Amino acid sequence: MEIKKTNILELTLYSKGATWYCDYYFYNGDTYEKGTTKATGYGYDKHSTALSNAINLFNYLFTFKRGIKWDGHEHATIKNRTFYGCDNKKYISYGIGADSVVNCLGLFNNVKLIQTYNGKNEDFFKIEITTSKEQIKKEFIKNDKKANDKKTTKEERKELIANNKKILSMLEGGTYER
């Protein structure tokens, strides 16, 4: 029998001047991680960029639903429902709008938006991610194999190693801060 673990990701979005920040807090009873992402600059939706950057830190935990049809790079369809902004590597794009970012969570069978709050000065999202130890171990092995591949870029290798450190922390219990 496979034991499921409930992971919670809390995201708080707010701005200071022209910069948007997303404070994230991830916990599951054994481990936690907290930090902040930010989006600055001009010409795109910084609000959704800060949000998608925080969610993408944990996309290694996500599993796709069955029956997804990919139409182009970031267009997916499941049972006549269209999703824009997520690619087949589980990466949610930036600058697509917060509604589209949240909509992309519908592509995953183990991710649920359980609470939202849209306030005057900040927005809050609470996401539940259900995982199993077997799923986490498979992800660790896959990341390790890809990190040791000669075709993997230096930046990708760095990200894979960072994800594996977080996975080990989840498997062994502990904390991780950015």
C-alpha atoms as a PDB file:
ATOM      1  CA  MET A   1       0.000   0.000   0.000  1.00  0.00           C
ATOM      2  CA  GLU A   2       1.372   3.346  -1.057  1.00  0.00           C
ATOM      3  CA  ILE A   3       1.399   6.032   1.654  1.00  0.00           C
ATOM      4  CA  LYS A   4       0.421   9.492   0.440  1.00  0.00           C
ATOM      5  CA  LYS A   5       1.851  12.663   1.929  1.00  0.00           C
ATOM      6  CA  THR A   6       0.092  16.010   1.876  1.00  0.00           C
ATOM      7  CA  ASN A   7       2.356  18.965   1.105  1.00  0.00           C
ATOM      8  CA  ILE A   8       1.117  22.530   1.488  1.00  0.00           C
ATOM      9  CA  LEU A   9       2.430  25.520  -0.460  1.00  0.00           C
ATOM     10  CA  GLU A  10       1.309  28.935   0.771  1.00  0.00           C
ATOM     11  CA  LEU A  11       1.953  31.919  -1.500  1.00  0.00           C
ATOM     12  CA  THR A  12       1.546  35.577  -0.566  1.00  0.00           C
ATOM     13  CA  LEU A  13       1.852  38.157  -3.369  1.00  0.00           C
ATOM     14  CA  TYR A  14       2.459  41.850  -2.703  1.00  0.00           C
ATOM     15  CA  SER A  15       4.169  44.834  -4.280  1.00  0.00           C
ATOM     16  CA  LYS A  16       6.611  47.459  -3.122  1.00  0.00           C
ATOM     17  CA  GLY A  17       6.736  50.189  -5.711  1.00  0.00           C
ATOM     18  CA  ALA A  18       7.148  48.696  -9.169  1.00  0.00           C
ATOM     19  CA  THR A  19       8.452  45.351  -7.850  1.00  0.00           C
ATOM     20  CA  TRP A  20       6.212  42.369  -7.071  1.00  0.00           C
ATOM     21  CA  TYR A  21       7.194  39.773  -4.474  1.00  0.00           C
ATOM     22  CA  CYS A  22       5.855  36.326  -3.673  1.00  0.00           C
ATOM     23  CA  ASP A  23       6.650  34.928  -0.235  1.00  0.00           C
ATOM     24  CA  TYR A  24       6.315  31.164  -0.238  1.00  0.00           C
ATOM     25  CA  TYR A  25       6.099  28.712   2.616  1.00  0.00           C
ATOM     26  CA  PHE A  26       6.155  24.977   1.874  1.00  0.00           C
ATOM     27  CA  TYR A  27       5.569  22.374   4.568  1.00  0.00           C
ATOM     28  CA  ASN A  28       4.523  18.751   4.911  1.00  0.00           C
ATOM     29  CA  GLY A  29       5.011  17.756   8.555  1.00  0.00           C
ATOM     30  CA  ASP A  30       8.568  16.519   8.035  1.00  0.00           C
ATOM     31  CA  THR A  31      10.222  19.465   6.353  1.00  0.00           C
ATOM     32  CA  TYR A  32       9.618  23.058   5.362  1.00  0.00           C
ATOM     33  CA  GLU A  33      11.036  25.618   2.993  1.00  0.00           C
ATOM     34  CA  LYS A  34      10.483  29.347   2.832  1.00  0.00           C
ATOM     35  CA  GLY A  35      11.694  32.157   0.656  1.00  0.00           C
ATOM     36  CA  THR A  36      10.726  34.961  -1.689  1.00  0.00           C
ATOM     37  CA  THR A  37      10.638  35.375  -5.452  1.00  0.00           C
ATOM     38  CA  LYS A  38      10.421  38.751  -7.130  1.00  0.00           C
ATOM     39  CA  ALA A  39       9.651  40.276 -10.506  1.00  0.00           C
ATOM     40  CA  THR A  40      10.912  43.640 -11.698  1.00  0.00           C
ATOM     41  CA  GLY A  41      11.166  45.388 -15.038  1.00  0.00           C
ATOM     42  CA  TYR A  42       8.731  46.545 -17.681  1.00  0.00           C
ATOM     43  CA  GLY A  43       6.479  45.103 -20.348  1.00  0.00           C
ATOM     44  CA  TYR A  44       4.983  42.010 -18.694  1.00  0.00           C
ATOM     45  CA  ASP A  45       2.703  40.988 -15.843  1.00  0.00           C
ATOM     46  CA  LYS A  46       5.020  41.065 -12.803  1.00  0.00           C
ATOM     47  CA  HIS A  47       2.227  39.928 -10.483  1.00  0.00           C
ATOM     48  CA  SER A  48       1.870  36.570 -12.244  1.00  0.00           C
ATOM     49  CA  THR A  49       5.622  36.274 -12.821  1.00  0.00           C
ATOM     50  CA  ALA A  50       6.376  36.364  -9.096  1.00  0.00           C
ATOM     51  CA  LEU A  51       3.602  33.777  -8.577  1.00  0.00           C
ATOM     52  CA  SER A  52       4.733  31.379 -11.333  1.00  0.00           C
ATOM     53  CA  ASN A  53       8.383  31.662 -10.236  1.00  0.00           C
ATOM     54  CA  ALA A  54       7.415  30.512  -6.724  1.00  0.00           C
ATOM     55  CA  ILE A  55       5.224  27.649  -7.998  1.00  0.00           C
ATOM     56  CA  ASN A  56       7.938  26.487 -10.412  1.00  0.00           C
ATOM     57  CA  LEU A  57      10.289  25.929  -7.457  1.00  0.00           C
ATOM     58  CA  PHE A  58       8.095  22.950  -6.522  1.00  0.00           C
ATOM     59  CA  ASN A  59       7.003  21.668  -9.950  1.00  0.00           C
ATOM     60  CA  TYR A  60       9.202  18.578  -9.512  1.00  0.00           C
ATOM     61  CA  LEU A  61       6.452  17.320  -7.169  1.00  0.00           C
ATOM     62  CA  PHE A  62       3.700  17.647  -9.789  1.00  0.00           C
ATOM     63  CA  THR A  63       2.391  14.771 -11.913  1.00  0.00           C
ATOM     64  CA  PHE A  64       0.451  15.349 -15.118  1.00  0.00           C
ATOM     65  CA  LYS A  65      -3.074  14.068 -15.600  1.00  0.00           C
ATOM     66  CA  ARG A  66      -3.592  11.412 -18.241  1.00  0.00           C
ATOM     67  CA  GLY A  67      -4.972  12.336 -21.640  1.00  0.00           C
ATOM     68  CA  ILE A  68      -3.271  15.699 -22.131  1.00  0.00           C
ATOM     69  CA  LYS A  69      -2.958  16.735 -25.757  1.00  0.00           C
ATOM     70  CA  TRP A  70      -0.215  19.267 -26.442  1.00  0.00           C
ATOM     71  CA  ASP A  71      -0.991  21.778 -29.184  1.00  0.00           C
ATOM     72  CA  GLY A  72       2.135  23.848 -29.606  1.00  0.00           C
ATOM     73  CA  HIS A  73       4.738  24.637 -26.997  1.00  0.00           C
ATOM     74  CA  GLU A  74       2.529  25.895 -24.165  1.00  0.00           C
ATOM     75  CA  HIS A  75      -1.013  24.934 -25.143  1.00  0.00           C
ATOM     76  CA  ALA A  76      -2.611  21.838 -23.643  1.00  0.00           C
ATOM     77  CA  THR A  77      -6.107  20.385 -23.774  1.00  0.00           C
ATOM     78  CA  ILE A  78      -7.850  17.882 -21.521  1.00  0.00           C
ATOM     79  CA  LYS A  79     -11.452  16.935 -22.304  1.00  0.00           C
ATOM     80  CA  ASN A  80     -12.156  20.157 -24.238  1.00  0.00           C
ATOM     81  CA  ARG A  81     -10.621  22.336 -21.507  1.00  0.00           C
ATOM     82  CA  THR A  82      -7.718  24.482 -22.705  1.00  0.00           C
ATOM     83  CA  PHE A  83      -4.691  25.405 -20.631  1.00  0.00           C
ATOM     84  CA  TYR A  84      -2.289  28.128 -21.722  1.00  0.00           C
ATOM     85  CA  GLY A  85       1.125  28.757 -20.221  1.00  0.00           C
ATOM     86  CA  CYS A  86       2.478  25.383 -19.096  1.00  0.00           C
ATOM     87  CA  ASP A  87       4.880  23.274 -21.126  1.00  0.00           C
ATOM     88  CA  ASN A  88       5.373  19.513 -21.062  1.00  0.00           C
ATOM     89  CA  LYS A  89       8.282  19.916 -18.613  1.00  0.00           C
ATOM     90  CA  LYS A  90       5.868  21.222 -15.916  1.00  0.00           C
ATOM     91  CA  TYR A  91       7.196  24.783 -16.219  1.00  0.00           C
ATOM     92  CA  ILE A  92       4.548  27.513 -15.864  1.00  0.00           C
ATOM     93  CA  SER A  93       5.373  30.594 -17.933  1.00  0.00           C
ATOM     94  CA  TYR A  94       5.759  34.069 -16.551  1.00  0.00           C
ATOM     95  CA  GLY A  95       3.765  37.160 -17.519  1.00  0.00           C
ATOM     96  CA  ILE A  96       0.615  35.246 -18.478  1.00  0.00           C
ATOM     97  CA  GLY A  97      -1.703  36.563 -15.758  1.00  0.00           C
ATOM     98  CA  ALA A  98      -2.406  35.113 -12.329  1.00  0.00           C
ATOM     99  CA  ASP A  99      -5.641  33.465 -13.515  1.00  0.00           C
ATOM    100  CA  SER A 100      -3.729  31.564 -16.215  1.00  0.00           C
ATOM    101  CA  VAL A 101      -1.061  30.520 -13.704  1.00  0.00           C
ATOM    102  CA  VAL A 102      -3.725  29.133 -11.352  1.00  0.00           C
ATOM    103  CA  ASN A 103      -5.557  27.550 -14.312  1.00  0.00           C
ATOM    104  CA  CYS A 104      -2.352  25.652 -15.237  1.00  0.00           C
ATOM    105  CA  LEU A 105      -2.556  23.811 -11.899  1.00  0.00           C
ATOM    106  CA  GLY A 106      -5.512  21.940 -13.427  1.00  0.00           C
ATOM    107  CA  LEU A 107      -3.057  19.994 -15.613  1.00  0.00           C
ATOM    108  CA  PHE A 108      -1.774  18.091 -12.593  1.00  0.00           C
ATOM    109  CA  ASN A 109      -3.579  15.233 -10.865  1.00  0.00           C
ATOM    110  CA  ASN A 110      -1.942  15.719  -7.473  1.00  0.00           C
ATOM    111  CA  VAL A 111      -2.283  19.525  -7.143  1.00  0.00           C
ATOM    112  CA  LYS A 112      -5.323  21.333  -5.720  1.00  0.00           C
ATOM    113  CA  LEU A 113      -5.927  25.013  -5.046  1.00  0.00           C
ATOM    114  CA  ILE A 114      -7.603  24.924  -1.642  1.00  0.00           C
ATOM    115  CA  GLN A 115      -7.736  28.594  -0.653  1.00  0.00           C
ATOM    116  CA  THR A 116      -7.416  32.005  -2.293  1.00  0.00           C
ATOM    117  CA  TYR A 117      -7.705  35.516  -1.024  1.00  0.00           C
ATOM    118  CA  ASN A 118      -7.524  38.613  -3.212  1.00  0.00           C
ATOM    119  CA  GLY A 119      -7.014  41.664  -1.070  1.00  0.00           C
ATOM    120  CA  LYS A 120      -6.338  45.319  -1.709  1.00  0.00           C
ATOM    121  CA  ASN A 121      -2.599  45.083  -1.052  1.00  0.00           C
ATOM    122  CA  GLU A 122      -1.871  41.380  -1.275  1.00  0.00           C
ATOM    123  CA  ASP A 123      -3.112  38.080  -2.695  1.00  0.00           C
ATOM    124  CA  PHE A 124      -2.878  34.708  -0.985  1.00  0.00           C
ATOM    125  CA  PHE A 125      -2.969  31.205  -2.496  1.00  0.00           C
ATOM    126  CA  LYS A 126      -2.848  27.891  -0.640  1.00  0.00           C
ATOM    127  CA  ILE A 127      -2.030  24.847  -2.739  1.00  0.00           C
ATOM    128  CA  GLU A 128      -2.139  21.193  -1.691  1.00  0.00           C
ATOM    129  CA  ILE A 129       0.271  18.767  -3.390  1.00  0.00           C
ATOM    130  CA  THR A 130      -0.201  15.060  -2.696  1.00  0.00           C
ATOM    131  CA  THR A 131       2.896  12.904  -3.157  1.00  0.00           C
ATOM    132  CA  SER A 132       4.216   9.466  -2.277  1.00  0.00           C
ATOM    133  CA  LYS A 133       7.717   8.380  -1.293  1.00  0.00           C
ATOM    134  CA  GLU A 134       7.924   6.240  -4.421  1.00  0.00           C
ATOM    135  CA  GLN A 135       7.107   9.244  -6.630  1.00  0.00           C
ATOM    136  CA  ILE A 136       9.732  11.366  -4.856  1.00  0.00           C
ATOM    137  CA  LYS A 137      12.378   8.622  -5.183  1.00  0.00           C
ATOM    138  CA  LYS A 138      11.659   8.258  -8.916  1.00  0.00           C
ATOM    139  CA  GLU A 139      12.047  12.020  -9.356  1.00  0.00           C
ATOM    140  CA  PHE A 140      15.370  11.927  -7.476  1.00  0.00           C
ATOM    141  CA  ILE A 141      16.708   9.142  -9.717  1.00  0.00           C
ATOM    142  CA  LYS A 142      15.503  10.907 -12.878  1.00  0.00           C
ATOM    143  CA  ASN A 143      17.134  14.204 -11.803  1.00  0.00           C
ATOM    144  CA  ASP A 144      20.384  12.453 -10.890  1.00  0.00           C
ATOM    145  CA  LYS A 145      20.531  10.673 -14.239  1.00  0.00           C
ATOM    146  CA  LYS A 146      19.846  13.898 -16.157  1.00  0.00           C
ATOM    147  CA  ALA A 147      22.370  15.889 -14.060  1.00  0.00           C
ATOM    148  CA  ASN A 148      25.076  13.373 -14.987  1.00  0.00           C
ATOM    149  CA  ASP A 149      24.221  13.491 -18.698  1.00  0.00           C
ATOM    150  CA  LYS A 150      26.883  15.278 -20.755  1.00  0.00           C
ATOM    151  CA  LYS A 151      24.205  17.024 -22.855  1.00  0.00           C
ATOM    152  CA  THR A 152      22.763  18.812 -19.801  1.00  0.00           C
ATOM    153  CA  THR A 153      23.692  22.478 -19.590  1.00  0.00           C
ATOM    154  CA  LYS A 154      25.473  23.908 -16.568  1.00  0.00           C
ATOM    155  CA  GLU A 155      22.363  25.873 -15.529  1.00  0.00           C
ATOM    156  CA  GLU A 156      20.067  22.832 -15.848  1.00  0.00           C
ATOM    157  CA  ARG A 157      22.542  20.718 -13.865  1.00  0.00           C
ATOM    158  CA  LYS A 158      22.607  23.308 -11.080  1.00  0.00           C
ATOM    159  CA  GLU A 159      18.790  23.344 -10.899  1.00  0.00           C
ATOM    160  CA  LEU A 160      18.567  19.530 -10.891  1.00  0.00           C
ATOM    161  CA  ILE A 161      21.096  19.273  -8.063  1.00  0.00           C
ATOM    162  CA  ALA A 162      19.204  21.927  -6.048  1.00  0.00           C
ATOM    163  CA  ASN A 163      15.942  20.000  -6.546  1.00  0.00           C
ATOM    164  CA  ASN A 164      17.603  16.788  -5.414  1.00  0.00           C
ATOM    165  CA  LYS A 165      18.817  18.499  -2.234  1.00  0.00           C
ATOM    166  CA  LYS A 166      15.207  19.488  -1.522  1.00  0.00           C
ATOM    167  CA  ILE A 167      14.020  15.960  -2.298  1.00  0.00           C
ATOM    168  CA  LEU A 168      16.577  14.472   0.124  1.00  0.00           C
ATOM    169  CA  SER A 169      15.414  16.927   2.755  1.00  0.00           C
ATOM    170  CA  MET A 170      11.825  15.764   2.195  1.00  0.00           C
ATOM    171  CA  LEU A 171      12.787  12.104   2.416  1.00  0.00           C
ATOM    172  CA  GLU A 172      14.914  12.538   5.540  1.00  0.00           C
ATOM    173  CA  GLY A 173      13.040  15.424   7.194  1.00  0.00           C
ATOM    174  CA  GLY A 174      14.618  18.807   7.746  1.00  0.00           C
ATOM    175  CA  THR A 175      14.483  22.388   6.601  1.00  0.00           C
ATOM    176  CA  TYR A 176      15.533  24.286   3.542  1.00  0.00           C
ATOM    177  CA  GLU A 177      15.698  28.056   3.141  1.00  0.00           C
ATOM    178  CA  ARG A 178      16.517  30.170   0.123  1.00  0.00           C
END
